[in-house]
Amino acid sequence: MRNQDSVEPKTHLAKPQLRRETRGGWAEQRMEEHKMTTRDRFSFTKLAITVAILTLLAGAASVGAAEPEWQVKVGGVWVQPALSYSMVNSEGLSFSADSDDAIGLSVALEHRFSQRLGLELGALQASPDVILRVEAPGGETAEASDGLAYTPITLGLNLYLTPGRPVEVYLTPVLAYVMYGDLTFSAGDSIASIKVDNQWTWGLNLGANVRLGDGPWRFSGAVSYVRTALPATDLESGGTENIDFNPFAVTLGFGYRF
């Protein structure tokens, strides 16, 4: 947790939705609840389309399928969120937020239906820092950070573009359930708490399995994108605000086929 000289803001930390716990006479202020935006409705539509595509392709995979094959993959992952946010409230306080990258772990299990199709269940875990800054009109600033636990569980259909070759490249549309931890920022005598809700969403992977000799071992790598926002909830008023997070991840590891 990083702390600089604190600024004694006169209002509740604005977007994302925050709750202040009082210390030394600090006042609490509730945020206005935001309605679902058109972008949110489009996200649900994309999610429904993704589910339909996965269902249809999974049914087609059973036609002309080869001998089933399983693969377990374990590796490390580098995660870089695309969080960038700023606003100025009515009293001139400037708020901004961004994020650092993080290293974590990933694991996946794939069932190969045929030469070209495989169904993969995967998960990763990383905790990138979210950094919150507040600047007063006079130039005084306060900064605090906290690690946000990010754990997407994904189900995707691997579409193999180079099946049977030493390097098998695949493209994967995924359905994801993203689990977040909560955030607590502390600057001087002020504490801001954010409860971040879990959510269903979608994403895309591009990966490759590299054959290591004639045995069952593979070197595996993938780049992935998950379309997600931080649906932060004000613990006092229940209002919500969606802020784009959209993590980009690179995974490297090893796979074992059986």
C-alpha atoms as a PDB file:
ATOM      1  CA  MET A   1       0.000   0.000   0.000  1.00  0.00           C
ATOM      2  CA  ARG A   2       1.435   3.385  -1.000  1.00  0.00           C
ATOM      3  CA  ASN A   3       0.618   6.590   0.901  1.00  0.00           C
ATOM      4  CA  GLN A   4       1.582  10.199   0.203  1.00  0.00           C
ATOM      5  CA  ASP A   5       0.572  13.400   2.012  1.00  0.00           C
ATOM      6  CA  SER A   6      -3.145  13.161   2.549  1.00  0.00           C
ATOM      7  CA  VAL A   7      -5.676  15.642   1.185  1.00  0.00           C
ATOM      8  CA  GLU A   8      -8.699  16.281   3.313  1.00  0.00           C
ATOM      9  CA  PRO A   9     -11.424  16.202   0.645  1.00  0.00           C
ATOM     10  CA  LYS A  10     -14.746  17.756   1.521  1.00  0.00           C
ATOM     11  CA  THR A  11     -16.810  15.173  -0.278  1.00  0.00           C
ATOM     12  CA  HIS A  12     -17.046  11.450  -0.643  1.00  0.00           C
ATOM     13  CA  LEU A  13     -14.567   9.945  -3.121  1.00  0.00           C
ATOM     14  CA  ALA A  14     -16.534   9.966  -6.349  1.00  0.00           C
ATOM     15  CA  LYS A  15     -16.645   7.422  -9.158  1.00  0.00           C
ATOM     16  CA  PRO A  16     -16.011   4.522  -8.865  1.00  0.00           C
ATOM     17  CA  GLN A  17     -18.640   4.050  -6.147  1.00  0.00           C
ATOM     18  CA  LEU A  18     -17.003   4.342  -2.781  1.00  0.00           C
ATOM     19  CA  ARG A  19     -17.892   4.201   0.876  1.00  0.00           C
ATOM     20  CA  ARG A  20     -15.971   6.251   3.390  1.00  0.00           C
ATOM     21  CA  GLU A  21     -15.585   4.883   6.872  1.00  0.00           C
ATOM     22  CA  THR A  22     -15.349   7.840   9.220  1.00  0.00           C
ATOM     23  CA  ARG A  23     -12.315   8.681  11.262  1.00  0.00           C
ATOM     24  CA  GLY A  24     -11.772  11.901  13.209  1.00  0.00           C
ATOM     25  CA  GLY A  25     -15.072  13.515  12.140  1.00  0.00           C
ATOM     26  CA  TRP A  26     -14.926  12.702   8.404  1.00  0.00           C
ATOM     27  CA  ALA A  27     -18.354  12.991   6.723  1.00  0.00           C
ATOM     28  CA  GLU A  28     -19.940  10.276   4.576  1.00  0.00           C
ATOM     29  CA  GLN A  29     -21.720  11.054   1.344  1.00  0.00           C
ATOM     30  CA  ARG A  30     -23.811   8.705  -0.798  1.00  0.00           C
ATOM     31  CA  MET A  31     -23.423   8.418  -4.547  1.00  0.00           C
ATOM     32  CA  GLU A  32     -26.294   8.445  -7.046  1.00  0.00           C
ATOM     33  CA  GLU A  33     -27.155   5.064  -8.559  1.00  0.00           C
ATOM     34  CA  HIS A  34     -26.476   4.767 -12.274  1.00  0.00           C
ATOM     35  CA  LYS A  35     -28.820   3.003 -14.673  1.00  0.00           C
ATOM     36  CA  MET A  36     -27.726   0.244 -17.041  1.00  0.00           C
ATOM     37  CA  THR A  37     -26.196   1.828 -20.141  1.00  0.00           C
ATOM     38  CA  THR A  38     -26.723   0.874 -23.763  1.00  0.00           C
ATOM     39  CA  ARG A  39     -23.197  -0.577 -23.736  1.00  0.00           C
ATOM     40  CA  ASP A  40     -24.219  -2.970 -20.957  1.00  0.00           C
ATOM     41  CA  ARG A  41     -27.174  -4.228 -23.015  1.00  0.00           C
ATOM     42  CA  PHE A  42     -24.888  -4.785 -26.006  1.00  0.00           C
ATOM     43  CA  SER A  43     -22.512  -6.757 -23.755  1.00  0.00           C
ATOM     44  CA  PHE A  44     -25.330  -9.082 -22.731  1.00  0.00           C
ATOM     45  CA  THR A  45     -26.249  -9.540 -26.404  1.00  0.00           C
ATOM     46  CA  LYS A  46     -22.662 -10.473 -27.265  1.00  0.00           C
ATOM     47  CA  LEU A  47     -22.620 -12.908 -24.360  1.00  0.00           C
ATOM     48  CA  ALA A  48     -25.791 -14.618 -25.608  1.00  0.00           C
ATOM     49  CA  ILE A  49     -24.330 -14.896 -29.124  1.00  0.00           C
ATOM     50  CA  THR A  50     -21.118 -16.411 -27.730  1.00  0.00           C
ATOM     51  CA  VAL A  51     -23.064 -19.034 -25.785  1.00  0.00           C
ATOM     52  CA  ALA A  52     -25.068 -19.938 -28.894  1.00  0.00           C
ATOM     53  CA  ILE A  53     -21.925 -20.303 -31.030  1.00  0.00           C
ATOM     54  CA  LEU A  54     -20.205 -22.499 -28.446  1.00  0.00           C
ATOM     55  CA  THR A  55     -23.281 -24.726 -28.188  1.00  0.00           C
ATOM     56  CA  LEU A  56     -23.552 -25.198 -31.961  1.00  0.00           C
ATOM     57  CA  LEU A  57     -19.844 -25.865 -32.453  1.00  0.00           C
ATOM     58  CA  ALA A  58     -19.697 -28.301 -29.551  1.00  0.00           C
ATOM     59  CA  GLY A  59     -22.513 -30.301 -31.166  1.00  0.00           C
ATOM     60  CA  ALA A  60     -20.711 -30.290 -34.506  1.00  0.00           C
ATOM     61  CA  ALA A  61     -17.528 -31.512 -32.835  1.00  0.00           C
ATOM     62  CA  SER A  62     -19.013 -34.953 -32.270  1.00  0.00           C
ATOM     63  CA  VAL A  63     -19.414 -35.520 -36.006  1.00  0.00           C
ATOM     64  CA  GLY A  64     -16.440 -37.404 -37.407  1.00  0.00           C
ATOM     65  CA  ALA A  65     -14.561 -37.098 -34.130  1.00  0.00           C
ATOM     66  CA  ALA A  66     -11.249 -38.851 -33.661  1.00  0.00           C
ATOM     67  CA  GLU A  67     -10.169 -40.727 -30.533  1.00  0.00           C
ATOM     68  CA  PRO A  68     -10.783 -38.355 -27.588  1.00  0.00           C
ATOM     69  CA  GLU A  69      -7.682 -36.806 -26.086  1.00  0.00           C
ATOM     70  CA  TRP A  70      -7.133 -34.831 -22.898  1.00  0.00           C
ATOM     71  CA  GLN A  71      -4.526 -32.203 -22.082  1.00  0.00           C
ATOM     72  CA  VAL A  72      -3.657 -30.508 -18.788  1.00  0.00           C
ATOM     73  CA  LYS A  73      -1.876 -27.151 -19.011  1.00  0.00           C
ATOM     74  CA  VAL A  74      -0.164 -25.253 -16.198  1.00  0.00           C
ATOM     75  CA  GLY A  75       1.799 -22.044 -16.503  1.00  0.00           C
ATOM     76  CA  GLY A  76       2.550 -18.513 -15.471  1.00  0.00           C
ATOM     77  CA  VAL A  77       0.582 -15.506 -16.661  1.00  0.00           C
ATOM     78  CA  TRP A  78       1.304 -11.819 -17.084  1.00  0.00           C
ATOM     79  CA  VAL A  79      -1.798  -9.616 -16.792  1.00  0.00           C
ATOM     80  CA  GLN A  80      -2.066  -5.987 -17.914  1.00  0.00           C
ATOM     81  CA  PRO A  81      -5.434  -4.295 -17.298  1.00  0.00           C
ATOM     82  CA  ALA A  82      -6.534  -1.350 -19.444  1.00  0.00           C
ATOM     83  CA  LEU A  83      -7.831   0.723 -16.532  1.00  0.00           C
ATOM     84  CA  SER A  84      -7.661   4.474 -17.084  1.00  0.00           C
ATOM     85  CA  TYR A  85     -10.129   6.773 -15.357  1.00  0.00           C
ATOM     86  CA  SER A  86     -10.362  10.417 -14.334  1.00  0.00           C
ATOM     87  CA  MET A  87     -12.985  12.948 -13.255  1.00  0.00           C
ATOM     88  CA  VAL A  88     -13.345  16.283 -11.442  1.00  0.00           C
ATOM     89  CA  ASN A  89     -16.132  16.758  -8.920  1.00  0.00           C
ATOM     90  CA  SER A  90     -18.203  19.892  -8.307  1.00  0.00           C
ATOM     91  CA  GLU A  91     -15.764  21.189  -5.675  1.00  0.00           C
ATOM     92  CA  GLY A  92     -12.718  20.957  -7.902  1.00  0.00           C
ATOM     93  CA  LEU A  93     -11.209  17.758  -6.533  1.00  0.00           C
ATOM     94  CA  SER A  94      -9.580  15.743  -9.322  1.00  0.00           C
ATOM     95  CA  PHE A  95      -9.824  11.935  -9.114  1.00  0.00           C
ATOM     96  CA  SER A  96      -7.890   9.491 -11.299  1.00  0.00           C
ATOM     97  CA  ALA A  97      -7.265   5.752 -11.306  1.00  0.00           C
ATOM     98  CA  ASP A  98      -5.020   3.407 -13.258  1.00  0.00           C
ATOM     99  CA  SER A  99      -3.446  -0.005 -12.744  1.00  0.00           C
ATOM    100  CA  ASP A 100      -0.136  -1.845 -12.768  1.00  0.00           C
ATOM    101  CA  ASP A 101       0.570  -5.193 -14.368  1.00  0.00           C
ATOM    102  CA  ALA A 102       0.835  -8.412 -12.344  1.00  0.00           C
ATOM    103  CA  ILE A 103       2.220 -11.947 -12.517  1.00  0.00           C
ATOM    104  CA  GLY A 104       0.050 -14.931 -11.614  1.00  0.00           C
ATOM    105  CA  LEU A 105      -0.732 -18.579 -12.314  1.00  0.00           C
ATOM    106  CA  SER A 106      -2.948 -20.309 -14.858  1.00  0.00           C
ATOM    107  CA  VAL A 107      -4.352 -23.819 -15.252  1.00  0.00           C
ATOM    108  CA  ALA A 108      -6.518 -25.425 -17.941  1.00  0.00           C
ATOM    109  CA  LEU A 109      -8.022 -28.772 -18.919  1.00  0.00           C
ATOM    110  CA  GLU A 110      -8.843 -29.489 -22.565  1.00  0.00           C
ATOM    111  CA  HIS A 111     -10.883 -32.314 -24.064  1.00  0.00           C
ATOM    112  CA  ARG A 112      -9.982 -32.757 -27.741  1.00  0.00           C
ATOM    113  CA  PHE A 113     -13.038 -33.954 -29.682  1.00  0.00           C
ATOM    114  CA  SER A 114     -11.388 -34.049 -33.090  1.00  0.00           C
ATOM    115  CA  GLN A 115      -8.345 -32.830 -34.986  1.00  0.00           C
ATOM    116  CA  ARG A 116      -9.826 -29.340 -35.229  1.00  0.00           C
ATOM    117  CA  LEU A 117     -11.962 -28.924 -32.117  1.00  0.00           C
ATOM    118  CA  GLY A 118     -11.342 -29.022 -28.372  1.00  0.00           C
ATOM    119  CA  LEU A 119     -13.350 -27.832 -25.374  1.00  0.00           C
ATOM    120  CA  GLU A 120     -11.215 -26.088 -22.731  1.00  0.00           C
ATOM    121  CA  LEU A 121     -11.989 -25.122 -19.132  1.00  0.00           C
ATOM    122  CA  GLY A 122      -9.451 -22.744 -17.661  1.00  0.00           C
ATOM    123  CA  ALA A 123      -8.729 -20.322 -14.840  1.00  0.00           C
ATOM    124  CA  LEU A 124      -6.054 -17.835 -13.887  1.00  0.00           C
ATOM    125  CA  GLN A 125      -5.343 -15.722 -10.839  1.00  0.00           C
ATOM    126  CA  ALA A 126      -3.448 -12.447 -10.541  1.00  0.00           C
ATOM    127  CA  SER A 127      -3.701  -9.323  -8.381  1.00  0.00           C
ATOM    128  CA  PRO A 128      -2.780  -6.139 -10.283  1.00  0.00           C
ATOM    129  CA  ASP A 129      -2.536  -2.972  -8.203  1.00  0.00           C
ATOM    130  CA  VAL A 130      -5.240  -0.349  -8.696  1.00  0.00           C
ATOM    131  CA  ILE A 131      -3.855   3.125  -7.969  1.00  0.00           C
ATOM    132  CA  LEU A 132      -6.176   5.931  -6.865  1.00  0.00           C
ATOM    133  CA  ARG A 133      -5.065   9.589  -6.844  1.00  0.00           C
ATOM    134  CA  VAL A 134      -6.808  12.680  -5.522  1.00  0.00           C
ATOM    135  CA  GLU A 135      -5.603  16.209  -6.296  1.00  0.00           C
ATOM    136  CA  ALA A 136      -6.929  19.355  -4.636  1.00  0.00           C
ATOM    137  CA  PRO A 137      -7.251  22.664  -6.552  1.00  0.00           C
ATOM    138  CA  GLY A 138      -4.198  23.971  -4.687  1.00  0.00           C
ATOM    139  CA  GLY A 139      -2.026  21.146  -5.984  1.00  0.00           C
ATOM    140  CA  GLU A 140      -1.924  18.943  -2.884  1.00  0.00           C
ATOM    141  CA  THR A 141      -2.229  15.262  -3.749  1.00  0.00           C
ATOM    142  CA  ALA A 142      -3.001  11.981  -2.064  1.00  0.00           C
ATOM    143  CA  GLU A 143      -2.313   8.559  -3.522  1.00  0.00           C
ATOM    144  CA  ALA A 144      -3.204   5.050  -2.391  1.00  0.00           C
ATOM    145  CA  SER A 145      -3.197   1.611  -3.969  1.00  0.00           C
ATOM    146  CA  ASP A 146      -4.517  -1.864  -3.329  1.00  0.00           C
ATOM    147  CA  GLY A 147      -4.223  -5.178  -5.148  1.00  0.00           C
ATOM    148  CA  LEU A 148      -7.387  -6.283  -6.934  1.00  0.00           C
ATOM    149  CA  ALA A 149      -7.768 -10.080  -6.986  1.00  0.00           C
ATOM    150  CA  TYR A 150      -8.735 -11.002 -10.567  1.00  0.00           C
ATOM    151  CA  THR A 151      -9.840 -14.608 -11.228  1.00  0.00           C
ATOM    152  CA  PRO A 152     -11.605 -15.386 -14.522  1.00  0.00           C
ATOM    153  CA  ILE A 153     -12.967 -18.903 -15.045  1.00  0.00           C
ATOM    154  CA  THR A 154     -13.351 -19.542 -18.771  1.00  0.00           C
ATOM    155  CA  LEU A 155     -15.013 -22.099 -21.021  1.00  0.00           C
ATOM    156  CA  GLY A 156     -14.007 -21.980 -24.666  1.00  0.00           C
ATOM    157  CA  LEU A 157     -14.007 -23.950 -27.885  1.00  0.00           C
ATOM    158  CA  ASN A 158     -10.490 -24.278 -29.349  1.00  0.00           C
ATOM    159  CA  LEU A 159     -10.622 -24.039 -33.159  1.00  0.00           C
ATOM    160  CA  TYR A 160      -7.334 -25.538 -34.407  1.00  0.00           C
ATOM    161  CA  LEU A 161      -5.935 -23.790 -37.475  1.00  0.00           C
ATOM    162  CA  THR A 162      -2.903 -26.107 -37.939  1.00  0.00           C
ATOM    163  CA  PRO A 163      -4.044 -29.519 -36.617  1.00  0.00           C
ATOM    164  CA  GLY A 164      -1.533 -32.387 -36.474  1.00  0.00           C
ATOM    165  CA  ARG A 165       1.514 -30.200 -37.023  1.00  0.00           C
ATOM    166  CA  PRO A 166       4.457 -29.736 -34.637  1.00  0.00           C
ATOM    167  CA  VAL A 167       3.039 -26.310 -33.781  1.00  0.00           C
ATOM    168  CA  GLU A 168      -0.739 -26.364 -33.434  1.00  0.00           C
ATOM    169  CA  VAL A 169      -2.236 -22.866 -33.479  1.00  0.00           C
ATOM    170  CA  TYR A 170      -5.765 -22.342 -32.210  1.00  0.00           C
ATOM    171  CA  LEU A 171      -8.326 -19.551 -31.846  1.00  0.00           C
ATOM    172  CA  THR A 172     -10.831 -19.644 -28.976  1.00  0.00           C
ATOM    173  CA  PRO A 173     -14.028 -17.690 -28.287  1.00  0.00           C
ATOM    174  CA  VAL A 174     -14.652 -17.941 -24.546  1.00  0.00           C
ATOM    175  CA  LEU A 175     -17.450 -17.526 -22.052  1.00  0.00           C
ATOM    176  CA  ALA A 176     -16.032 -16.177 -18.767  1.00  0.00           C
ATOM    177  CA  TYR A 177     -17.174 -15.772 -15.195  1.00  0.00           C
ATOM    178  CA  VAL A 178     -14.915 -13.158 -13.606  1.00  0.00           C
ATOM    179  CA  MET A 179     -14.454 -13.095  -9.835  1.00  0.00           C
ATOM    180  CA  TYR A 180     -13.032  -9.959  -8.205  1.00  0.00           C
ATOM    181  CA  GLY A 181     -11.773  -9.181  -4.746  1.00  0.00           C
ATOM    182  CA  ASP A 182     -12.696  -5.979  -2.921  1.00  0.00           C
ATOM    183  CA  LEU A 183     -10.577  -2.841  -2.712  1.00  0.00           C
ATOM    184  CA  THR A 184      -9.674  -0.734   0.322  1.00  0.00           C
ATOM    185  CA  PHE A 185      -7.776   2.525  -0.112  1.00  0.00           C
ATOM    186  CA  SER A 186      -6.214   4.367   2.810  1.00  0.00           C
ATOM    187  CA  ALA A 187      -4.758   7.888   2.672  1.00  0.00           C
ATOM    188  CA  GLY A 188      -4.099   9.671   5.933  1.00  0.00           C
ATOM    189  CA  ASP A 189      -7.254   9.583   8.050  1.00  0.00           C
ATOM    190  CA  SER A 190      -9.473   8.615   5.109  1.00  0.00           C
ATOM    191  CA  ILE A 191     -10.537   5.111   4.133  1.00  0.00           C
ATOM    192  CA  ALA A 192     -12.379   4.352   0.895  1.00  0.00           C
ATOM    193  CA  SER A 193     -13.894   0.885   0.368  1.00  0.00           C
ATOM    194  CA  ILE A 194     -15.069  -0.505  -2.957  1.00  0.00           C
ATOM    195  CA  LYS A 195     -17.031  -3.720  -3.295  1.00  0.00           C
ATOM    196  CA  VAL A 196     -16.474  -5.083  -6.822  1.00  0.00           C
ATOM    197  CA  ASP A 197     -19.134  -7.478  -8.095  1.00  0.00           C
ATOM    198  CA  ASN A 198     -18.437 -10.683 -10.038  1.00  0.00           C
ATOM    199  CA  GLN A 199     -19.764 -10.864 -13.594  1.00  0.00           C
ATOM    200  CA  TRP A 200     -20.393 -12.970 -16.696  1.00  0.00           C
ATOM    201  CA  THR A 201     -18.684 -11.806 -19.858  1.00  0.00           C
ATOM    202  CA  TRP A 202     -16.842 -12.975 -22.997  1.00  0.00           C
ATOM    203  CA  GLY A 203     -13.343 -12.981 -24.459  1.00  0.00           C
ATOM    204  CA  LEU A 204     -10.951 -14.313 -27.101  1.00  0.00           C
ATOM    205  CA  ASN A 205      -7.770 -16.421 -26.928  1.00  0.00           C
ATOM    206  CA  LEU A 206      -5.060 -17.059 -29.494  1.00  0.00           C
ATOM    207  CA  GLY A 207      -2.728 -19.872 -28.507  1.00  0.00           C
ATOM    208  CA  ALA A 208      -0.314 -22.551 -29.642  1.00  0.00           C
ATOM    209  CA  ASN A 209       0.839 -25.998 -28.497  1.00  0.00           C
ATOM    210  CA  VAL A 210       4.413 -26.882 -29.477  1.00  0.00           C
ATOM    211  CA  ARG A 211       5.267 -30.596 -29.609  1.00  0.00           C
ATOM    212  CA  LEU A 212       8.322 -31.566 -27.517  1.00  0.00           C
ATOM    213  CA  GLY A 213       9.656 -34.723 -29.164  1.00  0.00           C
ATOM    214  CA  ASP A 214       7.450 -37.777 -29.613  1.00  0.00           C
ATOM    215  CA  GLY A 215       6.141 -37.882 -26.054  1.00  0.00           C
ATOM    216  CA  PRO A 216       3.026 -36.382 -24.437  1.00  0.00           C
ATOM    217  CA  TRP A 217       4.627 -33.098 -23.355  1.00  0.00           C
ATOM    218  CA  ARG A 218       3.879 -29.785 -25.028  1.00  0.00           C
ATOM    219  CA  PHE A 219       5.063 -26.222 -24.612  1.00  0.00           C
ATOM    220  CA  SER A 220       1.976 -24.026 -24.520  1.00  0.00           C
ATOM    221  CA  GLY A 221       1.459 -20.301 -24.900  1.00  0.00           C
ATOM    222  CA  ALA A 222      -1.504 -18.003 -25.394  1.00  0.00           C
ATOM    223  CA  VAL A 223      -2.558 -14.374 -25.478  1.00  0.00           C
ATOM    224  CA  SER A 224      -6.036 -13.559 -24.245  1.00  0.00           C
ATOM    225  CA  TYR A 225      -8.450 -10.680 -23.888  1.00  0.00           C
ATOM    226  CA  VAL A 226     -11.464 -10.503 -21.589  1.00  0.00           C
ATOM    227  CA  ARG A 227     -14.079  -7.806 -22.107  1.00  0.00           C
ATOM    228  CA  THR A 228     -14.893  -6.739 -18.560  1.00  0.00           C
ATOM    229  CA  ALA A 229     -15.563  -3.704 -16.413  1.00  0.00           C
ATOM    230  CA  LEU A 230     -15.339  -3.025 -12.705  1.00  0.00           C
ATOM    231  CA  PRO A 231     -18.983  -2.878 -11.574  1.00  0.00           C
ATOM    232  CA  ALA A 232     -18.163  -1.072  -8.348  1.00  0.00           C
ATOM    233  CA  THR A 233     -20.930  -0.863  -5.752  1.00  0.00           C
ATOM    234  CA  ASP A 234     -21.374   1.824  -3.099  1.00  0.00           C
ATOM    235  CA  LEU A 235     -21.807  -0.163   0.103  1.00  0.00           C
ATOM    236  CA  GLU A 236     -23.969   2.620   1.563  1.00  0.00           C
ATOM    237  CA  SER A 237     -26.363   3.568  -1.249  1.00  0.00           C
ATOM    238  CA  GLY A 238     -26.147   0.463  -3.455  1.00  0.00           C
ATOM    239  CA  GLY A 239     -25.422   2.582  -6.552  1.00  0.00           C
ATOM    240  CA  THR A 240     -23.151   1.137  -9.259  1.00  0.00           C
ATOM    241  CA  GLU A 241     -20.698   2.439 -11.837  1.00  0.00           C
ATOM    242  CA  ASN A 242     -19.028   0.413 -14.607  1.00  0.00           C
ATOM    243  CA  ILE A 243     -15.395   1.300 -15.349  1.00  0.00           C
ATOM    244  CA  ASP A 244     -13.573  -0.509 -18.170  1.00  0.00           C
ATOM    245  CA  PHE A 245     -10.916  -2.979 -16.954  1.00  0.00           C
ATOM    246  CA  ASN A 246     -10.417  -5.233 -20.039  1.00  0.00           C
ATOM    247  CA  PRO A 247      -7.292  -7.209 -19.018  1.00  0.00           C
ATOM    248  CA  PHE A 248      -4.822  -8.450 -21.609  1.00  0.00           C
ATOM    249  CA  ALA A 249      -2.952 -11.608 -20.559  1.00  0.00           C
ATOM    250  CA  VAL A 250       0.023 -13.612 -21.839  1.00  0.00           C
ATOM    251  CA  THR A 251       0.338 -17.207 -20.629  1.00  0.00           C
ATOM    252  CA  LEU A 252       3.409 -19.477 -20.964  1.00  0.00           C
ATOM    253  CA  GLY A 253       3.667 -23.004 -19.592  1.00  0.00           C
ATOM    254  CA  PHE A 254       3.618 -26.705 -20.314  1.00  0.00           C
ATOM    255  CA  GLY A 255       0.946 -29.189 -21.287  1.00  0.00           C
ATOM    256  CA  TYR A 256       0.635 -32.935 -20.821  1.00  0.00           C
ATOM    257  CA  ARG A 257      -1.569 -35.052 -23.085  1.00  0.00           C
ATOM    258  CA  PHE A 258      -3.124 -38.328 -22.056  1.00  0.00           C
END
